[in-house]
Protein backbone atom coordinates (compact mmCIF):
# COMPACT_ATOMS: atom_id res chain seq x y z
CA MET A 1 -15.32 -11.96 -15.63
CA ALA A 2 -17.35 -14.90 -16.83
CA PHE A 3 -19.22 -15.46 -13.50
CA SER A 4 -21.10 -18.54 -14.23
CA ALA A 5 -18.21 -20.44 -16.08
CA ALA A 6 -15.66 -19.49 -13.17
CA ILE A 7 -17.89 -21.17 -10.48
CA VAL A 8 -18.78 -24.18 -12.65
CA ALA A 9 -15.16 -24.82 -13.54
CA THR A 10 -14.20 -24.50 -9.72
CA LEU A 11 -16.91 -26.99 -8.81
CA ALA A 12 -15.91 -29.31 -11.57
CA SER A 13 -12.26 -29.38 -10.39
CA SER A 14 -13.21 -29.81 -6.66
CA GLU A 15 -15.96 -32.35 -6.71
CA GLN A 16 -16.02 -35.92 -7.84
CA GLY A 17 -18.34 -38.59 -9.17
CA VAL A 18 -22.04 -38.17 -8.56
CA GLN A 19 -21.47 -35.46 -6.01
CA ARG A 20 -19.78 -33.40 -8.91
CA THR A 21 -22.93 -33.81 -11.03
CA THR A 22 -25.32 -32.92 -8.25
CA SER A 23 -23.42 -29.93 -6.97
CA ALA A 24 -22.92 -28.61 -10.48
CA SER A 25 -26.72 -28.93 -11.16
CA LEU A 26 -27.49 -27.17 -7.99
CA MET A 27 -24.90 -24.47 -8.75
CA SER A 28 -26.38 -24.08 -12.20
CA GLY A 29 -29.71 -23.13 -10.42
CA THR A 30 -27.90 -20.54 -8.20
CA LEU A 31 -26.25 -19.06 -11.28
CA GLU A 32 -29.47 -18.90 -13.24
CA SER A 33 -30.95 -16.95 -10.39
CA LEU A 34 -28.22 -14.57 -10.24
CA SER A 35 -28.17 -13.93 -13.97
CA GLY A 36 -31.94 -13.42 -13.86
CA LEU A 37 -32.71 -15.95 -16.53
CA GLY A 38 -36.01 -18.10 -16.55
CA GLU A 39 -36.01 -21.66 -17.85
CA ASP A 40 -37.04 -20.42 -21.32
CA GLY A 41 -34.05 -18.01 -21.33
CA SER A 42 -36.35 -14.96 -20.98
CA SER A 43 -35.32 -11.95 -18.95
CA VAL A 44 -37.50 -12.09 -16.10
CA GLY A 45 -35.22 -10.57 -13.53
CA SER A 46 -34.94 -11.08 -9.77
CA ASP A 47 -38.63 -10.63 -9.00
CA SER A 48 -39.77 -13.35 -11.46
CA GLU A 49 -41.15 -15.48 -8.76
CA ILE A 50 -44.21 -13.24 -8.41
CA ASN A 51 -46.63 -12.89 -11.34
CA GLY A 52 -49.74 -10.77 -11.35
CA PRO A 53 -50.92 -7.27 -12.18
CA VAL A 54 -48.66 -4.21 -11.70
CA ARG A 55 -49.76 -2.26 -8.69
CA GLY A 56 -49.07 1.36 -7.67
CA THR A 57 -45.46 2.18 -6.72
CA ASP A 58 -44.68 1.47 -3.05
CA LYS A 59 -42.65 3.69 -0.95
CA TYR A 60 -39.40 2.21 -2.18
CA GLY A 61 -40.31 2.64 -5.89
CA PHE A 62 -41.41 -0.96 -6.71
CA LEU A 63 -44.31 -1.53 -8.93
CA GLY A 64 -44.77 -5.09 -8.08
CA GLY A 65 -42.82 -8.34 -7.73
CA ALA A 66 -41.15 -9.99 -4.83
CA ARG A 67 -39.70 -6.78 -3.47
CA TYR A 68 -43.09 -4.85 -3.42
CA SER A 69 -44.10 -3.63 0.01
CA GLU A 70 -47.70 -3.60 1.03
CA GLY A 71 -46.97 -0.91 3.51
CA SER A 72 -47.66 -3.25 6.51
CA GLU A 73 -44.15 -2.26 8.13
CA ALA A 74 -44.43 -0.32 11.25
CA GLU A 75 -43.88 3.42 10.46
CA LEU A 76 -41.87 5.78 12.75
CA ALA A 77 -43.75 8.54 14.28
CA VAL A 78 -43.20 11.82 12.53
CA ALA A 79 -41.58 13.49 15.58
CA VAL A 80 -39.23 10.60 15.98
CA ALA A 81 -38.19 10.53 12.34
CA ARG A 82 -37.48 14.31 12.37
CA GLN A 83 -35.41 13.91 15.40
CA ARG A 84 -33.40 11.18 13.92
CA GLU A 85 -32.82 13.49 10.86
CA MET A 86 -31.71 16.26 12.90
CA LYS A 87 -29.15 14.07 14.70
CA TRP A 88 -27.76 12.74 11.27
CA LEU A 89 -27.57 16.23 9.91
CA ASP A 90 -25.51 17.35 13.09
CA MET A 91 -23.08 14.41 12.43
CA PHE A 92 -22.81 15.39 8.73
CA ARG A 93 -21.59 18.93 9.80
CA ASN A 94 -18.74 17.50 11.77
CA TRP A 95 -18.27 14.07 10.12
CA ASP A 96 -14.60 13.42 10.68
CA LYS A 97 -14.97 14.10 14.45
CA TRP A 98 -17.88 11.63 14.72
CA ALA A 99 -16.12 8.98 12.70
CA SER A 100 -12.84 9.33 14.51
CA HIS A 101 -13.91 10.07 18.08
CA ARG A 102 -17.64 8.96 18.48
CA PHE A 103 -17.81 5.98 16.27
CA GLN A 104 -19.96 3.94 18.82
CA LYS A 105 -22.71 6.48 18.53
CA VAL A 106 -22.56 6.38 14.66
CA LYS A 107 -22.65 2.65 14.81
CA MET A 108 -25.77 2.66 17.14
CA ARG A 109 -27.53 5.20 14.76
CA CYS A 110 -26.77 3.02 11.79
CA ARG A 111 -28.15 -0.04 13.56
CA LYS A 112 -31.40 1.95 14.25
CA GLY A 113 -31.67 2.77 10.51
CA ILE A 114 -30.51 5.70 8.60
CA PRO A 115 -33.40 8.13 7.64
CA SER A 116 -34.42 7.47 4.16
CA SER A 117 -34.01 11.13 3.15
CA LEU A 118 -30.37 11.07 4.21
CA ARG A 119 -29.36 7.54 3.32
CA ALA A 120 -27.42 8.46 0.07
CA LYS A 121 -25.34 11.05 1.93
CA ALA A 122 -24.73 8.66 4.86
CA TRP A 123 -23.66 5.84 2.78
CA GLN A 124 -21.06 8.12 0.93
CA LEU A 125 -19.69 9.43 4.17
CA LEU A 126 -19.58 6.01 5.86
CA SER A 127 -17.76 4.53 2.87
CA ASN A 128 -15.58 7.64 2.31
CA SER A 129 -16.65 7.52 -1.24
CA GLN A 130 -17.55 11.15 -1.18
CA GLU A 131 -13.99 12.15 -0.60
CA LEU A 132 -12.95 9.73 -3.31
CA LEU A 133 -15.39 11.59 -5.67
CA GLU A 134 -14.03 15.01 -4.56
CA SER A 135 -10.42 14.02 -5.06
CA ASN A 136 -11.03 12.73 -8.51
CA PRO A 137 -13.03 15.56 -10.39
CA GLY A 138 -14.03 14.76 -13.94
CA LYS A 139 -12.75 11.16 -13.65
CA PHE A 140 -16.12 9.47 -14.13
CA ASP A 141 -16.75 11.56 -17.23
CA GLU A 142 -13.27 10.67 -18.47
CA LEU A 143 -14.00 7.02 -18.05
CA GLU A 144 -17.48 7.39 -19.76
CA GLN A 145 -15.76 8.82 -22.77
CA GLU A 146 -13.42 5.80 -23.20
CA GLN A 147 -14.49 3.08 -25.61
CA GLY A 148 -14.21 0.13 -23.21
CA ASP A 149 -13.69 -3.57 -23.94
CA PRO A 150 -16.54 -4.98 -26.22
CA LYS A 151 -16.36 -8.27 -24.37
CA TRP A 152 -17.47 -6.70 -21.10
CA LEU A 153 -19.88 -4.10 -22.67
CA ASP A 154 -21.83 -6.90 -24.50
CA ILE A 155 -22.39 -8.80 -21.21
CA ILE A 156 -23.31 -5.62 -19.32
CA GLU A 157 -25.90 -4.79 -22.07
CA LYS A 158 -27.45 -8.03 -21.76
CA ASP A 159 -27.69 -7.80 -17.94
CA LEU A 160 -29.35 -4.34 -17.68
CA HIS A 161 -32.95 -5.33 -17.95
CA ARG A 162 -32.50 -8.10 -15.36
CA GLN A 163 -31.88 -5.83 -12.51
CA PHE A 164 -35.08 -5.11 -10.36
CA PRO A 165 -37.29 -4.97 -13.49
CA PHE A 166 -40.39 -4.16 -11.20
CA HIS A 167 -38.62 -0.96 -9.94
CA GLU A 168 -39.71 2.25 -11.52
CA MET A 169 -36.07 3.21 -12.27
CA PHE A 170 -35.35 0.04 -14.28
CA ALA A 171 -38.72 -0.95 -15.60
CA ALA A 172 -38.43 0.78 -19.11
CA ARG A 173 -35.90 -0.80 -21.53
CA GLY A 174 -33.42 1.82 -22.31
CA GLY A 175 -34.75 4.20 -19.75
CA HIS A 176 -32.70 6.53 -17.66
CA GLY A 177 -32.05 3.85 -14.88
CA GLN A 178 -30.68 1.33 -17.22
CA GLN A 179 -28.57 3.91 -18.92
CA ASP A 180 -27.06 5.12 -15.71
CA LEU A 181 -26.48 1.51 -14.74
CA TYR A 182 -24.55 0.86 -18.00
CA ARG A 183 -22.59 3.92 -17.41
CA ILE A 184 -21.49 2.83 -14.00
CA LEU A 185 -20.64 -0.74 -14.88
CA LYS A 186 -18.77 0.21 -18.08
CA ALA A 187 -16.81 2.91 -16.07
CA TYR A 188 -15.69 0.23 -13.64
CA THR A 189 -14.40 -2.16 -16.26
CA ILE A 190 -12.17 0.72 -17.54
CA TYR A 191 -11.25 1.92 -14.03
CA ARG A 192 -10.28 -1.64 -13.08
CA PRO A 193 -9.46 -3.50 -16.39
CA ASP A 194 -7.75 -6.23 -14.38
CA GLU A 195 -11.13 -7.05 -12.78
CA GLY A 196 -13.54 -6.27 -15.63
CA TYR A 197 -17.17 -7.03 -14.98
CA CYS A 198 -18.96 -9.54 -12.84
CA GLN A 199 -22.73 -10.06 -12.98
CA ALA A 200 -23.03 -9.79 -9.18
CA GLN A 201 -21.84 -6.11 -9.44
CA ALA A 202 -25.09 -5.18 -11.39
CA PRO A 203 -27.67 -5.48 -8.49
CA VAL A 204 -25.15 -3.72 -6.09
CA ALA A 205 -24.75 -0.95 -8.43
CA ALA A 206 -28.66 -0.78 -9.05
CA VAL A 207 -29.33 -0.45 -5.34
CA LEU A 208 -26.83 2.45 -5.19
CA LEU A 209 -28.53 4.20 -8.23
CA MET A 210 -31.92 3.89 -6.43
CA HIS A 211 -30.46 6.38 -3.77
CA MET A 212 -27.87 8.60 -5.68
CA PRO A 213 -26.81 9.96 -9.01
CA ALA A 214 -24.57 7.80 -11.34
CA GLU A 215 -21.27 9.53 -10.48
CA GLN A 216 -21.71 9.22 -6.66
CA ALA A 217 -23.00 5.64 -7.18
CA PHE A 218 -19.82 4.78 -9.09
CA TRP A 219 -17.47 5.83 -6.44
CA CYS A 220 -19.63 4.12 -3.78
CA LEU A 221 -19.31 0.95 -5.87
CA VAL A 222 -15.52 1.35 -6.08
CA GLN A 223 -15.30 1.50 -2.34
CA ILE A 224 -17.40 -1.66 -2.06
CA CYS A 225 -15.26 -3.53 -4.48
CA GLU A 226 -11.90 -2.28 -3.12
CA LYS A 227 -12.30 -1.76 0.58
CA TYR A 228 -15.30 -3.75 1.83
CA LEU A 229 -15.39 -6.78 -0.43
CA PRO A 230 -12.00 -6.86 -2.20
CA GLY A 231 -11.56 -9.96 -4.58
CA TYR A 232 -15.29 -10.74 -4.60
CA TYR A 233 -15.73 -9.81 -8.24
CA SER A 234 -12.36 -10.71 -9.54
CA ALA A 235 -11.61 -13.69 -11.84
CA GLY A 236 -11.22 -17.10 -9.95
CA LEU A 237 -13.59 -15.95 -7.15
CA GLU A 238 -11.04 -16.86 -4.56
CA ALA A 239 -12.13 -14.29 -2.06
CA ILE A 240 -15.86 -15.53 -2.00
CA GLN A 241 -14.66 -19.28 -1.80
CA LEU A 242 -12.43 -18.36 1.07
CA ASP A 243 -15.26 -16.58 2.80
CA GLY A 244 -17.40 -19.57 2.23
CA GLU A 245 -14.95 -21.67 4.25
CA ILE A 246 -14.81 -18.97 7.04
CA PHE A 247 -18.72 -18.85 7.04
CA PHE A 248 -18.97 -22.51 7.33
CA SER A 249 -16.58 -22.68 10.19
CA LEU A 250 -18.40 -19.88 11.97
CA LEU A 251 -21.76 -21.74 11.48
CA ARG A 252 -20.32 -24.60 13.36
CA ARG A 253 -19.85 -22.30 16.43
CA VAL A 254 -23.22 -20.32 16.10
CA CYS A 255 -25.62 -23.16 14.96
CA PRO A 256 -24.04 -26.81 15.13
CA MET A 257 -27.52 -28.26 14.10
CA ALA A 258 -27.42 -26.38 10.74
CA TYR A 259 -23.80 -27.12 10.33
CA ARG A 260 -24.32 -30.82 10.77
CA HIS A 261 -27.34 -30.84 8.47
CA LEU A 262 -25.41 -29.02 5.60
CA LYS A 263 -22.40 -31.23 6.13
CA LYS A 264 -24.57 -34.44 6.07
CA PHE A 265 -25.84 -33.69 2.63
CA LYS A 266 -22.57 -32.30 1.43
CA ILE A 267 -23.98 -28.84 0.59
CA ASP A 268 -20.92 -26.65 0.05
CA PRO A 269 -21.15 -23.03 1.13
CA ILE A 270 -20.56 -21.61 -2.36
CA LEU A 271 -23.87 -23.26 -3.35
CA TYR A 272 -26.06 -21.08 -1.33
CA MET A 273 -24.08 -18.02 0.06
CA THR A 274 -22.63 -16.78 -3.26
CA GLU A 275 -25.60 -14.65 -4.23
CA TRP A 276 -26.19 -13.70 -0.57
CA PHE A 277 -22.57 -12.27 -0.12
CA MET A 278 -21.87 -10.90 -3.52
CA CYS A 279 -25.11 -9.00 -3.90
CA ILE A 280 -25.23 -8.04 -0.18
CA PHE A 281 -28.68 -9.78 0.28
CA SER A 282 -30.19 -7.34 -2.25
CA ARG A 283 -31.88 -10.38 -4.13
CA THR A 284 -32.77 -12.28 -0.97
CA LEU A 285 -34.47 -10.26 1.77
CA PRO A 286 -37.60 -8.00 1.95
CA TRP A 287 -36.57 -4.52 0.86
CA SER A 288 -36.97 -2.90 4.21
CA CYS A 289 -34.47 -5.54 5.57
CA VAL A 290 -32.10 -4.97 2.64
CA LEU A 291 -31.82 -1.33 3.52
CA ARG A 292 -31.19 -1.89 7.20
CA VAL A 293 -28.60 -4.47 6.32
CA TRP A 294 -26.84 -2.12 3.90
CA ASP A 295 -26.95 0.75 6.56
CA MET A 296 -25.05 -1.55 8.93
CA PHE A 297 -22.87 -2.97 6.30
CA PHE A 298 -21.58 0.43 5.27
CA CYS A 299 -20.76 1.23 8.89
CA GLU A 300 -19.44 -2.11 10.14
CA GLY A 301 -18.29 -3.92 7.07
CA VAL A 302 -18.34 -7.56 5.95
CA LYS A 303 -19.03 -8.69 9.56
CA ILE A 304 -22.59 -7.74 8.99
CA VAL A 305 -22.87 -9.85 5.82
CA PHE A 306 -21.51 -12.93 7.90
CA ARG A 307 -23.89 -12.27 10.60
CA VAL A 308 -26.90 -11.93 8.33
CA GLY A 309 -26.09 -15.18 6.68
CA LEU A 310 -25.65 -17.02 9.99
CA VAL A 311 -28.82 -15.68 11.27
CA LEU A 312 -30.69 -16.93 8.21
CA LEU A 313 -29.29 -20.35 8.40
CA LYS A 314 -30.14 -20.43 12.09
CA GLN A 315 -33.71 -19.40 11.40
CA MET A 316 -34.16 -21.95 8.55
CA LEU A 317 -32.23 -24.89 9.77
CA GLY A 318 -31.81 -24.32 13.58
CA SER A 319 -34.48 -26.67 15.04
CA VAL A 320 -35.57 -30.28 14.67
CA ASP A 321 -38.98 -29.16 13.46
CA LYS A 322 -37.54 -27.21 10.58
CA LEU A 323 -35.19 -29.97 9.66
CA ARG A 324 -37.96 -32.59 9.44
CA GLU A 325 -39.19 -30.93 6.37
CA LEU A 326 -35.80 -31.00 4.67
CA GLN A 327 -34.98 -34.62 4.06
CA GLY A 328 -32.38 -34.22 1.40
CA MET A 329 -30.07 -31.90 -0.55
CA TYR A 330 -32.62 -30.68 -3.04
CA GLU A 331 -35.25 -29.66 -0.41
CA THR A 332 -32.59 -27.97 1.59
CA MET A 333 -31.34 -26.04 -1.39
CA GLU A 334 -34.86 -25.09 -2.42
CA ARG A 335 -35.42 -23.54 1.11
CA LEU A 336 -32.11 -21.62 0.99
CA ARG A 337 -32.88 -20.26 -2.53
CA ASN A 338 -36.51 -19.19 -1.69
CA ILE A 339 -36.61 -17.79 1.79
CA PRO A 340 -40.28 -16.91 2.61
CA PRO A 341 -40.38 -13.16 3.10
CA GLU A 342 -43.19 -13.46 5.62
CA ASN A 343 -40.71 -15.33 7.85
CA ILE A 344 -38.22 -12.34 7.98
CA MET A 345 -39.33 -9.60 10.26
CA GLU A 346 -37.20 -6.39 9.94
CA GLU A 347 -36.80 -5.64 13.62
CA VAL A 348 -36.22 -9.39 14.62
CA LEU A 349 -33.54 -9.78 11.96
CA VAL A 350 -31.71 -6.61 12.82
CA GLN A 351 -31.83 -7.53 16.64
CA GLU A 352 -30.42 -11.08 15.95
CA VAL A 353 -27.74 -9.75 13.63
CA VAL A 354 -26.70 -7.07 16.34
CA SER A 355 -26.71 -9.61 19.22
CA LEU A 356 -24.67 -12.41 17.39
CA SER A 357 -21.16 -12.66 18.83
CA VAL A 358 -19.25 -12.70 15.57
CA THR A 359 -16.65 -10.08 15.69
CA GLU A 360 -14.08 -8.66 13.17
CA ALA A 361 -11.37 -10.31 15.18
CA LEU A 362 -13.11 -13.75 15.17
CA ILE A 363 -13.50 -13.48 11.33
CA GLU A 364 -9.85 -12.44 10.85
CA ARG A 365 -8.57 -15.29 13.10
CA GLU A 366 -10.70 -17.84 11.20
CA CYS A 367 -9.42 -16.28 7.95
CA GLY A 368 -5.83 -17.07 9.07
CA ILE A 369 -6.69 -20.65 9.61
CA GLN A 370 -8.43 -21.10 6.26
CA VAL A 371 -5.79 -19.39 4.35
CA ARG A 372 -3.32 -21.80 5.78
CA LYS A 373 -5.56 -24.68 4.86
CA TRP A 374 -5.97 -23.36 1.38
CA ARG A 375 -2.21 -23.11 0.81
CA GLU A 376 -1.73 -26.57 1.97
CA SER A 377 -4.46 -28.14 -0.22
CA ARG A 378 -4.58 -25.73 -3.41
CA GLY A 379 -1.39 -23.68 -3.35
CA GLU A 380 -0.86 -20.04 -3.04
CA LEU A 381 -3.73 -17.55 -3.20
CA THR A 382 -3.72 -14.75 -5.88
CA HIS A 383 -6.23 -12.89 -3.62
CA GLN A 384 -4.76 -10.91 -0.76
CA PRO A 385 -7.21 -11.31 2.34
CA GLY A 386 -5.52 -8.60 4.19
CA ARG A 387 -6.76 -5.85 1.89
CA ARG A 388 -10.24 -6.08 3.37
CA LEU A 389 -11.30 -3.09 5.69
CA HIS A 390 -14.05 -3.65 8.24
CA GLY A 391 -16.15 -0.64 7.81
CA THR A 392 -15.98 3.09 8.51
CA ARG A 393 -13.47 3.07 11.32
CA ALA A 394 -10.92 1.01 9.53
CA ILE A 395 -11.38 3.08 6.32
CA PHE A 396 -10.91 6.34 8.37
CA GLU A 397 -7.88 4.97 10.19
CA GLN A 398 -6.25 3.94 6.99
CA LYS A 399 -6.95 7.44 5.53
CA HIS A 400 -5.24 9.06 8.59
CA ARG A 401 -2.27 6.75 8.38
CA ALA A 402 -1.75 7.56 4.67
CA ALA A 403 -2.03 11.20 5.41
CA ALA A 404 0.49 11.07 8.13
CA ILE A 405 2.96 9.12 5.98
CA SER A 406 2.54 11.35 2.98
CA SER A 407 3.06 14.48 5.06
CA GLY A 408 6.11 13.06 6.78
CA GLY A 409 4.43 13.47 10.18
CA SER A 410 4.00 10.89 13.01
CA LEU A 411 0.95 8.83 13.59
CA SER A 412 -1.66 10.08 15.93
CA PRO A 413 -1.95 8.28 19.34
CA ARG A 414 -5.15 6.52 18.16
CA CYS A 415 -3.43 5.27 15.03
CA ARG A 416 -0.34 4.09 17.12
CA LYS A 417 -2.70 2.30 19.40
CA GLN A 418 -4.53 0.70 16.45
CA LYS A 419 -1.14 -0.39 15.00
CA GLY A 420 -0.09 -1.91 18.34
CA ARG A 421 -3.50 -3.95 18.51
CA LYS A 422 -2.91 -5.10 14.98
CA ASN A 423 0.56 -6.39 15.72
CA LYS A 424 -0.81 -8.18 18.79
CA LYS A 425 -3.72 -9.61 16.80
CA GLN A 426 -1.31 -10.91 14.15
CA ASN A 427 0.68 -12.62 16.83
CA MET A 428 -2.50 -14.16 18.22
CA ASP A 429 -3.57 -15.29 14.78
CA ARG A 430 -0.30 -17.15 14.26
CA GLU A 431 -0.76 -18.91 17.53
CA ILE A 432 -4.37 -19.88 16.58
CA VAL A 433 -3.23 -21.20 13.24
CA LYS A 434 -0.59 -23.28 14.92
CA ARG A 435 -3.10 -24.71 17.49
CA GLY A 436 -5.54 -25.27 14.65
CA GLU A 437 -2.85 -27.39 12.85
CA ARG A 438 -2.17 -29.41 16.00
CA GLU A 439 -5.85 -30.14 16.40
């Protein structure tokens, strides 16, 4: 899809007068950031804000740029790291049992951080992409052999060198990292021709490639696009717009001061949270924080993305002192686009994200309210919000329900209980929507 054109068109149709011009200008800056283009049109990538000599590779593979780590993060003691690795290896050996019956322990270990040596395997198991790969032998190779739509291939080709150009995998034009990234993104346009390609998929696929081979990364990307963030990368961007409304409503609960500030200057959520959500913060946070966020995201789903965004706004706009420096729309947008990495401490961020009381149920209830408002003001959605699954547990429950139906058997007690909870939640959601209308 033509990512930039879609959002600009959306803004143009929803804004009026001077506000339309201002919002479109700000959105243009956001899109420029996402596409990785500098003011002169050069391909400087997501790390372009840092200039200077290339240094030795850090422990994440970065040669320099904004994602480069100076090695100042606190390192785990070797004994503790080995102990965590052994615990994860034990979970791998009995994964279905852990995911089905001991999920709270899995979640706790994801929040502590997955050992780097086992992260690729863990992400594949958490997302169930490993099973998808195993049930589709040779499919990725088949997709590679197909010609593909030249419209998408041309855009993908132009985007390759913009993805983490300071990382050793993607630093060389035409190198193996860029080649694998092209293979994955091309394969997805053939696998889902109705969706095609969205620029925000490129950094997501690149992060996966930093951890696993192309075929594994492809199926992991499929799960992100279809289970975790369905509709995010589709034409029209309805899903991300809807989540923007949900996010803004949640912000009103979590940090009224930040909410009032953004509302005062008419800063629409789509202006600042598009890159955050669609790229899963891979272009926003220090790299150690990115990996911790992704560990939790694969386990708990989009709830983590909402929480991280809310925590960031709370940190940047949540006090009188901080707002004193931001006297207008442009100053605020500049702060939201350029979050100082020194202000984001890994353990502090994770702790605040974990402790934030934004649940799956709250997100879904708010989704029901916002869908109703959308239909009243804009008509029917083409995107189906109910397709989203909230992480590992929901994916496994769906898998078990599908297996039970296909085999003609009955649902397990756990699935029956889950179905009952879902029906009860749907009834509660209807009541909340009605109450919201009355208010």
